[in-house]
Amino acid sequence: MTQAADTSKDASPRTGASALVEAMRPLHWVKNAFVAAPLLFSERFTDALSWLLCAAAVGAFCLAGSAIYLINDIRDRDRDRLHPSKRGRPIASGRLSAGAAGAAAIVLLGAAGVMVALTEALTPRPSRILAGHALATWTGAYVALNLLYTFWLKHVFIVDVLVVAFGFVLRAMAGAAALAVPVSPWLVVCTLTLCLFIALTKRRGELADLPAEQAAAARPVNRAYDEGQLRHMITVSTAMAILTYTLYCLSPQTVGRLGSAHMVWTVPLVIYGLFRFDRLTRRAGGGDPVAVLVRDPVMWLILAAYVLLTTAVLRFGDHPAVRDILVFPK
């Protein structure tokens, strides 16, 4: 989800540094796990330097993302005061001044830029793509896209959710750039369709949580959405996410690189995770999808099972004892 995504936060007495940390939304740093995804699929998860480069890239996105959150909340503070839960945000509630938040955003963006530069300098085999500055390019594109979203694109019907989803694509591409590994087209389509589903569930929650006029006052683009339309879009995006991921697992390129078709065993986990997330967000109403995800132990178990199974396939899937369990007929 893009950085202007909402959080449901009740007002609290925290002020000063505590209010700043709250406004930075550290809970949402979990989204930057997408930056780390290429580390798993690059089969370099036993290389210490790769972990360091990946961690630095994730850190840069956490800092940049928090800066965007601060800018978004400065921009939306008047609208947030009309929302029953967003009015408790530090800037909207007056616990954090707009000036202090703006200064912090500039510092965070500068720190993110320094981390990106250090990461590129430490990469032992830098790619020649984008003149060796792919990480800086994708990070800059991410910041620029989210600023456009904050000031304009979040008010454009359908474009708003596509931008949210594409923000995750840029995260994943930045992670690949940090490790100087090639970017597969499958990374783009799988990430885009999965995160489009997540963005649409958020829009559905906003409409379910508030009366129509109040939802529109808090986010004007909500006027363009209705429950039936969103239900259809979510169904389509869910099907696309499952289909594109399955095609990735069974593509000749994936099978050839891994030496087997055993990635297909991860498909049931993806299906279960999508369906469970859909159910959890429907039951939560307008609750923050990130909070719903983080607080559900079953989703963590699904994620752990996916990582373990994927690691096993990458390491042992081409072993002669198991390689030919699944074969394509000639």
C-alpha atoms as a PDB file:
ATOM      1  CA  MET A   1       0.000   0.000   0.000  1.00  0.00           C
ATOM      2  CA  THR A   2       1.263   3.459  -0.710  1.00  0.00           C
ATOM      3  CA  GLN A   3       2.381   5.688   2.064  1.00  0.00           C
ATOM      4  CA  ALA A   4      -0.756   7.802   2.122  1.00  0.00           C
ATOM      5  CA  ALA A   5      -2.735   4.803   3.246  1.00  0.00           C
ATOM      6  CA  ASP A   6      -4.769   5.320   6.371  1.00  0.00           C
ATOM      7  CA  THR A   7      -4.328   4.136   9.910  1.00  0.00           C
ATOM      8  CA  SER A   8      -6.993   3.899  12.525  1.00  0.00           C
ATOM      9  CA  LYS A   9      -5.603   5.518  15.615  1.00  0.00           C
ATOM     10  CA  ASP A  10      -7.450   6.750  18.650  1.00  0.00           C
ATOM     11  CA  ALA A  11      -6.353   9.991  20.224  1.00  0.00           C
ATOM     12  CA  SER A  12      -3.738   9.608  22.926  1.00  0.00           C
ATOM     13  CA  PRO A  13      -1.899  12.033  25.203  1.00  0.00           C
ATOM     14  CA  ARG A  14       1.491  11.407  23.581  1.00  0.00           C
ATOM     15  CA  THR A  15       3.260  14.582  22.499  1.00  0.00           C
ATOM     16  CA  GLY A  16       6.710  15.652  21.367  1.00  0.00           C
ATOM     17  CA  ALA A  17       9.038  12.851  20.268  1.00  0.00           C
ATOM     18  CA  SER A  18       6.443  10.200  21.079  1.00  0.00           C
ATOM     19  CA  ALA A  19       3.891  11.917  18.855  1.00  0.00           C
ATOM     20  CA  LEU A  20       6.480  12.153  16.055  1.00  0.00           C
ATOM     21  CA  VAL A  21       7.219   8.432  16.256  1.00  0.00           C
ATOM     22  CA  GLU A  22       3.484   7.712  16.216  1.00  0.00           C
ATOM     23  CA  ALA A  23       3.042   9.913  13.128  1.00  0.00           C
ATOM     24  CA  MET A  24       5.868   8.028  11.398  1.00  0.00           C
ATOM     25  CA  ARG A  25       3.683   4.888  11.677  1.00  0.00           C
ATOM     26  CA  PRO A  26       6.386   2.312  12.416  1.00  0.00           C
ATOM     27  CA  LEU A  27       3.763  -0.447  12.293  1.00  0.00           C
ATOM     28  CA  HIS A  28       3.564   0.158   8.544  1.00  0.00           C
ATOM     29  CA  TRP A  29       7.255  -0.564   8.085  1.00  0.00           C
ATOM     30  CA  VAL A  30       6.168  -4.181   7.705  1.00  0.00           C
ATOM     31  CA  LYS A  31       5.138  -3.244   4.156  1.00  0.00           C
ATOM     32  CA  ASN A  32       8.814  -2.945   3.313  1.00  0.00           C
ATOM     33  CA  ALA A  33       9.144  -6.707   3.567  1.00  0.00           C
ATOM     34  CA  PHE A  34       8.567  -6.471  -0.190  1.00  0.00           C
ATOM     35  CA  VAL A  35      11.999  -4.814  -0.447  1.00  0.00           C
ATOM     36  CA  ALA A  36      13.466  -7.981   1.063  1.00  0.00           C
ATOM     37  CA  ALA A  37      11.568 -10.416  -1.187  1.00  0.00           C
ATOM     38  CA  PRO A  38      14.337 -10.580  -3.852  1.00  0.00           C
ATOM     39  CA  LEU A  39      16.767 -11.803  -1.166  1.00  0.00           C
ATOM     40  CA  LEU A  40      14.738 -14.985  -0.806  1.00  0.00           C
ATOM     41  CA  PHE A  41      14.276 -15.641  -4.515  1.00  0.00           C
ATOM     42  CA  SER A  42      17.873 -14.734  -5.418  1.00  0.00           C
ATOM     43  CA  GLU A  43      19.055 -17.775  -3.413  1.00  0.00           C
ATOM     44  CA  ARG A  44      21.578 -15.553  -1.610  1.00  0.00           C
ATOM     45  CA  PHE A  45      19.944 -15.830   1.801  1.00  0.00           C
ATOM     46  CA  THR A  46      23.100 -17.394   3.274  1.00  0.00           C
ATOM     47  CA  ASP A  47      25.323 -14.481   2.199  1.00  0.00           C
ATOM     48  CA  ALA A  48      25.988 -12.007   5.032  1.00  0.00           C
ATOM     49  CA  LEU A  49      26.706  -9.046   2.734  1.00  0.00           C
ATOM     50  CA  SER A  50      23.436  -9.607   0.886  1.00  0.00           C
ATOM     51  CA  TRP A  51      21.591  -9.460   4.198  1.00  0.00           C
ATOM     52  CA  LEU A  52      23.380  -6.200   5.040  1.00  0.00           C
ATOM     53  CA  LEU A  53      22.532  -4.625   1.679  1.00  0.00           C
ATOM     54  CA  CYS A  54      18.936  -5.795   1.964  1.00  0.00           C
ATOM     55  CA  ALA A  55      18.599  -4.428   5.503  1.00  0.00           C
ATOM     56  CA  ALA A  56      19.996  -1.061   4.397  1.00  0.00           C
ATOM     57  CA  ALA A  57      17.516  -0.879   1.505  1.00  0.00           C
ATOM     58  CA  VAL A  58      14.634  -1.784   3.829  1.00  0.00           C
ATOM     59  CA  GLY A  59      15.808   0.877   6.284  1.00  0.00           C
ATOM     60  CA  ALA A  60      15.922   3.502   3.542  1.00  0.00           C
ATOM     61  CA  PHE A  61      12.348   2.707   2.552  1.00  0.00           C
ATOM     62  CA  CYS A  62      11.197   2.824   6.168  1.00  0.00           C
ATOM     63  CA  LEU A  63      12.653   6.322   6.532  1.00  0.00           C
ATOM     64  CA  ALA A  64      11.301   7.509   3.178  1.00  0.00           C
ATOM     65  CA  GLY A  65       7.895   5.987   3.875  1.00  0.00           C
ATOM     66  CA  SER A  66       7.640   7.694   7.250  1.00  0.00           C
ATOM     67  CA  ALA A  67       8.558  11.012   5.622  1.00  0.00           C
ATOM     68  CA  ILE A  68       5.725  10.549   3.134  1.00  0.00           C
ATOM     69  CA  TYR A  69       3.322   9.744   5.966  1.00  0.00           C
ATOM     70  CA  LEU A  70       4.250  13.008   7.683  1.00  0.00           C
ATOM     71  CA  ILE A  71       3.770  15.015   4.482  1.00  0.00           C
ATOM     72  CA  ASN A  72       0.453  13.275   3.847  1.00  0.00           C
ATOM     73  CA  ASP A  73      -0.810  14.031   7.345  1.00  0.00           C
ATOM     74  CA  ILE A  74       0.211  17.692   7.048  1.00  0.00           C
ATOM     75  CA  ARG A  75      -1.665  17.894   3.754  1.00  0.00           C
ATOM     76  CA  ASP A  76      -4.769  16.083   5.062  1.00  0.00           C
ATOM     77  CA  ARG A  77      -4.947  17.423   8.599  1.00  0.00           C
ATOM     78  CA  ASP A  78      -8.197  19.339   7.991  1.00  0.00           C
ATOM     79  CA  ARG A  79      -9.911  16.336   6.390  1.00  0.00           C
ATOM     80  CA  ASP A  80      -8.583  14.019   9.081  1.00  0.00           C
ATOM     81  CA  ARG A  81     -10.329  16.113  11.733  1.00  0.00           C
ATOM     82  CA  LEU A  82     -13.650  15.107  10.130  1.00  0.00           C
ATOM     83  CA  HIS A  83     -12.893  11.386  10.506  1.00  0.00           C
ATOM     84  CA  PRO A  84     -13.846   9.595  13.747  1.00  0.00           C
ATOM     85  CA  SER A  85     -10.480   7.823  14.093  1.00  0.00           C
ATOM     86  CA  LYS A  86      -8.071   9.856  11.937  1.00  0.00           C
ATOM     87  CA  ARG A  87      -8.792  12.951  13.990  1.00  0.00           C
ATOM     88  CA  GLY A  88      -6.692  11.335  16.705  1.00  0.00           C
ATOM     89  CA  ARG A  89      -3.576  11.384  14.524  1.00  0.00           C
ATOM     90  CA  PRO A  90      -0.789  13.532  16.016  1.00  0.00           C
ATOM     91  CA  ILE A  91      -0.914  16.330  13.444  1.00  0.00           C
ATOM     92  CA  ALA A  92      -4.703  16.460  13.093  1.00  0.00           C
ATOM     93  CA  SER A  93      -5.142  16.476  16.873  1.00  0.00           C
ATOM     94  CA  GLY A  94      -2.527  19.194  17.385  1.00  0.00           C
ATOM     95  CA  ARG A  95      -0.169  16.981  19.393  1.00  0.00           C
ATOM     96  CA  LEU A  96       2.481  17.488  16.686  1.00  0.00           C
ATOM     97  CA  SER A  97       2.840  20.776  14.836  1.00  0.00           C
ATOM     98  CA  ALA A  98       2.878  20.865  11.054  1.00  0.00           C
ATOM     99  CA  GLY A  99       6.206  22.706  11.124  1.00  0.00           C
ATOM    100  CA  ALA A 100       7.913  20.075  13.266  1.00  0.00           C
ATOM    101  CA  ALA A 101       6.472  17.301  11.106  1.00  0.00           C
ATOM    102  CA  GLY A 102       7.669  19.002   7.921  1.00  0.00           C
ATOM    103  CA  ALA A 103      11.185  19.437   9.302  1.00  0.00           C
ATOM    104  CA  ALA A 104      11.250  15.795  10.380  1.00  0.00           C
ATOM    105  CA  ALA A 105      10.119  14.708   6.915  1.00  0.00           C
ATOM    106  CA  ILE A 106      13.028  16.564   5.304  1.00  0.00           C
ATOM    107  CA  VAL A 107      15.506  14.963   7.720  1.00  0.00           C
ATOM    108  CA  LEU A 108      14.058  11.497   7.104  1.00  0.00           C
ATOM    109  CA  LEU A 109      14.233  11.891   3.331  1.00  0.00           C
ATOM    110  CA  GLY A 110      17.837  13.051   3.620  1.00  0.00           C
ATOM    111  CA  ALA A 111      18.722  10.081   5.820  1.00  0.00           C
ATOM    112  CA  ALA A 112      17.041   7.730   3.348  1.00  0.00           C
ATOM    113  CA  GLY A 113      19.137   9.236   0.539  1.00  0.00           C
ATOM    114  CA  VAL A 114      22.331   8.687   2.529  1.00  0.00           C
ATOM    115  CA  MET A 115      21.403   5.041   3.172  1.00  0.00           C
ATOM    116  CA  VAL A 116      20.689   4.503  -0.521  1.00  0.00           C
ATOM    117  CA  ALA A 117      24.062   6.001  -1.478  1.00  0.00           C
ATOM    118  CA  LEU A 118      25.888   3.826   1.063  1.00  0.00           C
ATOM    119  CA  THR A 119      24.063   0.726  -0.132  1.00  0.00           C
ATOM    120  CA  GLU A 120      25.033   1.385  -3.743  1.00  0.00           C
ATOM    121  CA  ALA A 121      28.636   2.003  -2.675  1.00  0.00           C
ATOM    122  CA  LEU A 122      28.780  -1.321  -0.809  1.00  0.00           C
ATOM    123  CA  THR A 123      27.338  -3.419  -3.629  1.00  0.00           C
ATOM    124  CA  PRO A 124      30.274  -5.606  -4.748  1.00  0.00           C
ATOM    125  CA  ARG A 125      29.015  -6.291  -8.274  1.00  0.00           C
ATOM    126  CA  PRO A 126      26.932  -3.243  -9.223  1.00  0.00           C
ATOM    127  CA  SER A 127      24.588  -3.585 -12.177  1.00  0.00           C
ATOM    128  CA  ARG A 128      25.109  -1.383 -15.216  1.00  0.00           C
ATOM    129  CA  ILE A 129      21.350  -0.883 -15.465  1.00  0.00           C
ATOM    130  CA  LEU A 130      20.384   2.784 -15.058  1.00  0.00           C
ATOM    131  CA  ALA A 131      24.084   3.712 -14.952  1.00  0.00           C
ATOM    132  CA  GLY A 132      24.585   1.684 -11.788  1.00  0.00           C
ATOM    133  CA  HIS A 133      22.037   3.737  -9.824  1.00  0.00           C
ATOM    134  CA  ALA A 134      18.992   1.500 -10.037  1.00  0.00           C
ATOM    135  CA  LEU A 135      18.398   1.582  -6.274  1.00  0.00           C
ATOM    136  CA  ALA A 136      18.481   5.384  -6.206  1.00  0.00           C
ATOM    137  CA  THR A 137      16.231   5.503  -9.265  1.00  0.00           C
ATOM    138  CA  TRP A 138      13.555   3.180  -7.855  1.00  0.00           C
ATOM    139  CA  THR A 139      13.687   4.842  -4.438  1.00  0.00           C
ATOM    140  CA  GLY A 140      13.367   8.272  -6.020  1.00  0.00           C
ATOM    141  CA  ALA A 141      10.506   7.042  -8.197  1.00  0.00           C
ATOM    142  CA  TYR A 142       8.797   5.671  -5.087  1.00  0.00           C
ATOM    143  CA  VAL A 143       9.060   9.000  -3.271  1.00  0.00           C
ATOM    144  CA  ALA A 144       7.938  10.976  -6.338  1.00  0.00           C
ATOM    145  CA  LEU A 145       4.980   8.655  -6.966  1.00  0.00           C
ATOM    146  CA  ASN A 146       3.835   8.902  -3.362  1.00  0.00           C
ATOM    147  CA  LEU A 147       4.116  12.691  -3.389  1.00  0.00           C
ATOM    148  CA  LEU A 148       1.987  12.741  -6.543  1.00  0.00           C
ATOM    149  CA  TYR A 149      -0.431  10.426  -4.753  1.00  0.00           C
ATOM    150  CA  THR A 150      -0.577  12.687  -1.691  1.00  0.00           C
ATOM    151  CA  PHE A 151      -1.228  15.890  -3.627  1.00  0.00           C
ATOM    152  CA  TRP A 152      -3.232  14.604  -6.612  1.00  0.00           C
ATOM    153  CA  LEU A 153      -3.530  10.954  -7.610  1.00  0.00           C
ATOM    154  CA  LYS A 154      -5.362   9.725  -4.522  1.00  0.00           C
ATOM    155  CA  HIS A 155      -8.321  11.760  -5.733  1.00  0.00           C
ATOM    156  CA  VAL A 156      -8.463   9.986  -9.130  1.00  0.00           C
ATOM    157  CA  PHE A 157     -10.822   7.010  -9.374  1.00  0.00           C
ATOM    158  CA  ILE A 158      -9.066   3.620  -9.927  1.00  0.00           C
ATOM    159  CA  VAL A 159      -5.732   5.388 -10.453  1.00  0.00           C
ATOM    160  CA  ASP A 160      -5.548   5.755  -6.661  1.00  0.00           C
ATOM    161  CA  VAL A 161      -5.519   1.991  -6.004  1.00  0.00           C
ATOM    162  CA  LEU A 162      -3.214   1.307  -8.958  1.00  0.00           C
ATOM    163  CA  VAL A 163      -0.686   3.775  -7.547  1.00  0.00           C
ATOM    164  CA  VAL A 164      -0.916   2.087  -4.152  1.00  0.00           C
ATOM    165  CA  ALA A 165      -0.189  -1.279  -5.778  1.00  0.00           C
ATOM    166  CA  PHE A 166       2.630   0.070  -7.947  1.00  0.00           C
ATOM    167  CA  GLY A 167       4.312   1.460  -4.845  1.00  0.00           C
ATOM    168  CA  PHE A 168       4.880  -2.141  -3.778  1.00  0.00           C
ATOM    169  CA  VAL A 169       6.303  -2.976  -7.201  1.00  0.00           C
ATOM    170  CA  LEU A 170       8.861  -0.190  -6.758  1.00  0.00           C
ATOM    171  CA  ARG A 171       9.743  -1.591  -3.330  1.00  0.00           C
ATOM    172  CA  ALA A 172      10.459  -5.013  -4.817  1.00  0.00           C
ATOM    173  CA  MET A 173      12.460  -3.554  -7.714  1.00  0.00           C
ATOM    174  CA  ALA A 174      14.524  -1.523  -5.268  1.00  0.00           C
ATOM    175  CA  GLY A 175      15.261  -4.682  -3.281  1.00  0.00           C
ATOM    176  CA  ALA A 176      16.479  -6.394  -6.435  1.00  0.00           C
ATOM    177  CA  ALA A 177      18.616  -3.353  -7.284  1.00  0.00           C
ATOM    178  CA  ALA A 178      20.223  -3.377  -3.833  1.00  0.00           C
ATOM    179  CA  LEU A 179      21.387  -6.936  -4.483  1.00  0.00           C
ATOM    180  CA  ALA A 180      22.231  -6.250  -8.148  1.00  0.00           C
ATOM    181  CA  VAL A 181      20.027  -9.159  -9.280  1.00  0.00           C
ATOM    182  CA  PRO A 182      17.884  -9.140 -12.454  1.00  0.00           C
ATOM    183  CA  VAL A 183      14.246  -8.073 -12.175  1.00  0.00           C
ATOM    184  CA  SER A 184      11.855 -10.667 -13.551  1.00  0.00           C
ATOM    185  CA  PRO A 185       8.646  -9.463 -15.255  1.00  0.00           C
ATOM    186  CA  TRP A 186       6.890 -11.946 -12.985  1.00  0.00           C
ATOM    187  CA  LEU A 187       7.990  -9.857 -10.000  1.00  0.00           C
ATOM    188  CA  VAL A 188       6.091  -6.910 -11.457  1.00  0.00           C
ATOM    189  CA  VAL A 189       2.836  -8.667 -12.360  1.00  0.00           C
ATOM    190  CA  CYS A 190       2.624 -10.827  -9.213  1.00  0.00           C
ATOM    191  CA  THR A 191       3.331  -7.910  -6.886  1.00  0.00           C
ATOM    192  CA  LEU A 192       0.985  -5.562  -8.750  1.00  0.00           C
ATOM    193  CA  THR A 193      -2.004  -7.914  -8.723  1.00  0.00           C
ATOM    194  CA  LEU A 194      -1.493  -8.968  -5.100  1.00  0.00           C
ATOM    195  CA  CYS A 195      -1.195  -5.395  -3.845  1.00  0.00           C
ATOM    196  CA  LEU A 196      -4.079  -4.179  -5.988  1.00  0.00           C
ATOM    197  CA  PHE A 197      -6.203  -6.661  -4.029  1.00  0.00           C
ATOM    198  CA  ILE A 198      -4.879  -5.223  -0.741  1.00  0.00           C
ATOM    199  CA  ALA A 199      -5.568  -1.627  -1.828  1.00  0.00           C
ATOM    200  CA  LEU A 200      -9.130  -2.468  -2.847  1.00  0.00           C
ATOM    201  CA  THR A 201      -9.865  -4.128   0.502  1.00  0.00           C
ATOM    202  CA  LYS A 202      -8.821  -0.871   2.163  1.00  0.00           C
ATOM    203  CA  ARG A 203     -11.252   1.136   0.046  1.00  0.00           C
ATOM    204  CA  ARG A 204     -14.006  -1.352   0.902  1.00  0.00           C
ATOM    205  CA  GLY A 205     -13.247  -0.937   4.595  1.00  0.00           C
ATOM    206  CA  GLU A 206     -13.502   2.842   4.393  1.00  0.00           C
ATOM    207  CA  LEU A 207     -16.946   2.661   2.798  1.00  0.00           C
ATOM    208  CA  ALA A 208     -18.154   0.044   5.270  1.00  0.00           C
ATOM    209  CA  ASP A 209     -16.919   1.990   8.289  1.00  0.00           C
ATOM    210  CA  LEU A 210     -18.519   5.380   7.605  1.00  0.00           C
ATOM    211  CA  PRO A 211     -21.736   6.831   6.200  1.00  0.00           C
ATOM    212  CA  ALA A 212     -21.368   7.763   2.522  1.00  0.00           C
ATOM    213  CA  GLU A 213     -21.105  11.515   3.089  1.00  0.00           C
ATOM    214  CA  GLN A 214     -18.580  11.166   5.892  1.00  0.00           C
ATOM    215  CA  ALA A 215     -16.476   8.715   3.861  1.00  0.00           C
ATOM    216  CA  ALA A 216     -16.479  11.176   0.954  1.00  0.00           C
ATOM    217  CA  ALA A 217     -15.529  14.071   3.227  1.00  0.00           C
ATOM    218  CA  ALA A 218     -12.564  12.105   4.581  1.00  0.00           C
ATOM    219  CA  ARG A 219     -11.473  10.923   1.108  1.00  0.00           C
ATOM    220  CA  PRO A 220     -13.259  12.537  -1.889  1.00  0.00           C
ATOM    221  CA  VAL A 221     -12.517   9.651  -4.269  1.00  0.00           C
ATOM    222  CA  ASN A 222     -14.767   7.446  -2.125  1.00  0.00           C
ATOM    223  CA  ARG A 223     -17.704   9.087  -3.898  1.00  0.00           C
ATOM    224  CA  ALA A 224     -16.720   7.178  -7.040  1.00  0.00           C
ATOM    225  CA  TYR A 225     -16.733   3.753  -5.375  1.00  0.00           C
ATOM    226  CA  ASP A 226     -19.677   1.659  -4.251  1.00  0.00           C
ATOM    227  CA  GLU A 227     -19.852  -1.625  -2.379  1.00  0.00           C
ATOM    228  CA  GLY A 228     -20.976  -3.776  -5.316  1.00  0.00           C
ATOM    229  CA  GLN A 229     -18.329  -2.353  -7.613  1.00  0.00           C
ATOM    230  CA  LEU A 230     -15.582  -2.918  -5.041  1.00  0.00           C
ATOM    231  CA  ARG A 231     -16.764  -6.473  -4.447  1.00  0.00           C
ATOM    232  CA  HIS A 232     -16.391  -7.135  -8.178  1.00  0.00           C
ATOM    233  CA  MET A 233     -12.958  -5.472  -8.346  1.00  0.00           C
ATOM    234  CA  ILE A 234     -11.725  -7.463  -5.344  1.00  0.00           C
ATOM    235  CA  THR A 235     -12.938 -10.706  -6.917  1.00  0.00           C
ATOM    236  CA  VAL A 236     -11.141  -9.904 -10.166  1.00  0.00           C
ATOM    237  CA  SER A 237      -7.919  -8.816  -8.443  1.00  0.00           C
ATOM    238  CA  THR A 238      -7.924 -11.931  -6.249  1.00  0.00           C
ATOM    239  CA  ALA A 239      -8.290 -14.163  -9.309  1.00  0.00           C
ATOM    240  CA  MET A 240      -5.546 -12.242 -11.125  1.00  0.00           C
ATOM    241  CA  ALA A 241      -3.179 -12.533  -8.152  1.00  0.00           C
ATOM    242  CA  ILE A 242      -3.688 -16.297  -7.894  1.00  0.00           C
ATOM    243  CA  LEU A 243      -3.450 -16.797 -11.661  1.00  0.00           C
ATOM    244  CA  THR A 244      -0.299 -14.723 -12.172  1.00  0.00           C
ATOM    245  CA  TYR A 245       1.454 -16.358  -9.225  1.00  0.00           C
ATOM    246  CA  THR A 246       0.518 -19.830 -10.471  1.00  0.00           C
ATOM    247  CA  LEU A 247       1.761 -18.982 -13.962  1.00  0.00           C
ATOM    248  CA  TYR A 248       5.021 -17.773 -12.437  1.00  0.00           C
ATOM    249  CA  CYS A 249       5.471 -21.054 -10.554  1.00  0.00           C
ATOM    250  CA  LEU A 250       4.837 -23.092 -13.703  1.00  0.00           C
ATOM    251  CA  SER A 251       6.606 -20.887 -16.241  1.00  0.00           C
ATOM    252  CA  PRO A 252       9.435 -22.546 -18.209  1.00  0.00           C
ATOM    253  CA  GLN A 253      11.842 -19.890 -16.921  1.00  0.00           C
ATOM    254  CA  THR A 254      11.045 -20.647 -13.271  1.00  0.00           C
ATOM    255  CA  VAL A 255      11.110 -24.413 -13.751  1.00  0.00           C
ATOM    256  CA  GLY A 256      14.365 -24.186 -15.707  1.00  0.00           C
ATOM    257  CA  ARG A 257      16.063 -21.970 -13.129  1.00  0.00           C
ATOM    258  CA  LEU A 258      15.001 -24.065 -10.134  1.00  0.00           C
ATOM    259  CA  GLY A 259      15.374 -27.429 -11.854  1.00  0.00           C
ATOM    260  CA  SER A 260      11.846 -28.509 -10.892  1.00  0.00           C
ATOM    261  CA  ALA A 261       8.209 -27.410 -10.792  1.00  0.00           C
ATOM    262  CA  HIS A 262       7.961 -27.683  -7.018  1.00  0.00           C
ATOM    263  CA  MET A 263       7.219 -23.974  -6.461  1.00  0.00           C
ATOM    264  CA  VAL A 264       3.653 -24.931  -7.339  1.00  0.00           C
ATOM    265  CA  TRP A 265       3.323 -26.381  -3.818  1.00  0.00           C
ATOM    266  CA  THR A 266       3.339 -22.814  -2.476  1.00  0.00           C
ATOM    267  CA  VAL A 267       0.167 -21.915  -4.413  1.00  0.00           C
ATOM    268  CA  PRO A 268      -2.247 -23.281  -1.740  1.00  0.00           C
ATOM    269  CA  LEU A 269      -0.564 -21.092   0.874  1.00  0.00           C
ATOM    270  CA  VAL A 270      -1.009 -18.016  -1.314  1.00  0.00           C
ATOM    271  CA  ILE A 271      -4.674 -18.853  -1.919  1.00  0.00           C
ATOM    272  CA  TYR A 272      -5.344 -19.416   1.774  1.00  0.00           C
ATOM    273  CA  GLY A 273      -3.539 -16.225   2.721  1.00  0.00           C
ATOM    274  CA  LEU A 274      -5.537 -14.129   0.246  1.00  0.00           C
ATOM    275  CA  PHE A 275      -8.867 -15.589   1.311  1.00  0.00           C
ATOM    276  CA  ARG A 276      -8.080 -15.202   4.999  1.00  0.00           C
ATOM    277  CA  PHE A 277      -6.937 -11.610   4.543  1.00  0.00           C
ATOM    278  CA  ASP A 278     -10.165 -10.853   2.679  1.00  0.00           C
ATOM    279  CA  ARG A 279     -12.220 -12.345   5.520  1.00  0.00           C
ATOM    280  CA  LEU A 280     -10.247 -10.547   8.232  1.00  0.00           C
ATOM    281  CA  THR A 281     -10.560  -7.131   6.577  1.00  0.00           C
ATOM    282  CA  ARG A 282     -14.291  -7.604   5.965  1.00  0.00           C
ATOM    283  CA  ARG A 283     -14.826  -8.419   9.631  1.00  0.00           C
ATOM    284  CA  ALA A 284     -12.646  -5.494  10.705  1.00  0.00           C
ATOM    285  CA  GLY A 285     -14.726  -2.979   8.734  1.00  0.00           C
ATOM    286  CA  GLY A 286     -12.682   0.164   8.266  1.00  0.00           C
ATOM    287  CA  GLY A 287      -9.808  -1.036  10.414  1.00  0.00           C
ATOM    288  CA  ASP A 288      -6.268  -0.634   9.155  1.00  0.00           C
ATOM    289  CA  PRO A 289      -5.418  -3.694   6.984  1.00  0.00           C
ATOM    290  CA  VAL A 290      -1.797  -3.581   8.146  1.00  0.00           C
ATOM    291  CA  ALA A 291      -2.859  -3.763  11.789  1.00  0.00           C
ATOM    292  CA  VAL A 292      -5.247  -6.596  10.929  1.00  0.00           C
ATOM    293  CA  LEU A 293      -2.434  -8.476   9.216  1.00  0.00           C
ATOM    294  CA  VAL A 294       0.187  -7.906  11.902  1.00  0.00           C
ATOM    295  CA  ARG A 295      -2.089  -8.881  14.766  1.00  0.00           C
ATOM    296  CA  ASP A 296      -3.329 -12.132  13.247  1.00  0.00           C
ATOM    297  CA  PRO A 297      -1.099 -15.073  14.326  1.00  0.00           C
ATOM    298  CA  VAL A 298      -2.459 -17.317  11.585  1.00  0.00           C
ATOM    299  CA  MET A 299      -1.237 -14.920   8.889  1.00  0.00           C
ATOM    300  CA  TRP A 300       2.231 -14.996  10.479  1.00  0.00           C
ATOM    301  CA  LEU A 301       2.124 -18.797  10.401  1.00  0.00           C
ATOM    302  CA  ILE A 302       1.155 -18.710   6.727  1.00  0.00           C
ATOM    303  CA  LEU A 303       4.027 -16.334   5.972  1.00  0.00           C
ATOM    304  CA  ALA A 304       6.510 -18.480   7.901  1.00  0.00           C
ATOM    305  CA  ALA A 305       5.298 -21.614   6.129  1.00  0.00           C
ATOM    306  CA  TYR A 306       5.638 -19.889   2.763  1.00  0.00           C
ATOM    307  CA  VAL A 307       9.201 -18.753   3.475  1.00  0.00           C
ATOM    308  CA  LEU A 308      10.238 -22.196   4.747  1.00  0.00           C
ATOM    309  CA  LEU A 309       8.636 -24.049   1.848  1.00  0.00           C
ATOM    310  CA  THR A 310      10.082 -21.661  -0.726  1.00  0.00           C
ATOM    311  CA  THR A 311      13.529 -21.991   0.849  1.00  0.00           C
ATOM    312  CA  ALA A 312      13.247 -25.786   0.734  1.00  0.00           C
ATOM    313  CA  VAL A 313      12.237 -25.708  -2.940  1.00  0.00           C
ATOM    314  CA  LEU A 314      15.085 -23.359  -3.840  1.00  0.00           C
ATOM    315  CA  ARG A 315      17.659 -25.475  -2.017  1.00  0.00           C
ATOM    316  CA  PHE A 316      16.445 -29.036  -2.599  1.00  0.00           C
ATOM    317  CA  GLY A 317      13.811 -28.930  -5.347  1.00  0.00           C
ATOM    318  CA  ASP A 318      16.240 -30.144  -8.034  1.00  0.00           C
ATOM    319  CA  HIS A 319      17.558 -33.056  -5.954  1.00  0.00           C
ATOM    320  CA  PRO A 320      17.303 -36.322  -7.955  1.00  0.00           C
ATOM    321  CA  ALA A 321      15.194 -37.900  -5.195  1.00  0.00           C
ATOM    322  CA  VAL A 322      12.379 -35.357  -5.574  1.00  0.00           C
ATOM    323  CA  ARG A 323      12.993 -33.514  -8.842  1.00  0.00           C
ATOM    324  CA  ASP A 324      10.757 -35.720 -10.993  1.00  0.00           C
ATOM    325  CA  ILE A 325       7.765 -35.944  -8.650  1.00  0.00           C
ATOM    326  CA  LEU A 326       6.211 -33.297 -10.871  1.00  0.00           C
ATOM    327  CA  VAL A 327       7.001 -33.341 -14.591  1.00  0.00           C
ATOM    328  CA  PHE A 328       5.390 -31.824 -17.648  1.00  0.00           C
ATOM    329  CA  PRO A 329       4.236 -34.469 -20.171  1.00  0.00           C
ATOM    330  CA  LYS A 330       6.139 -34.413 -23.437  1.00  0.00           C
END
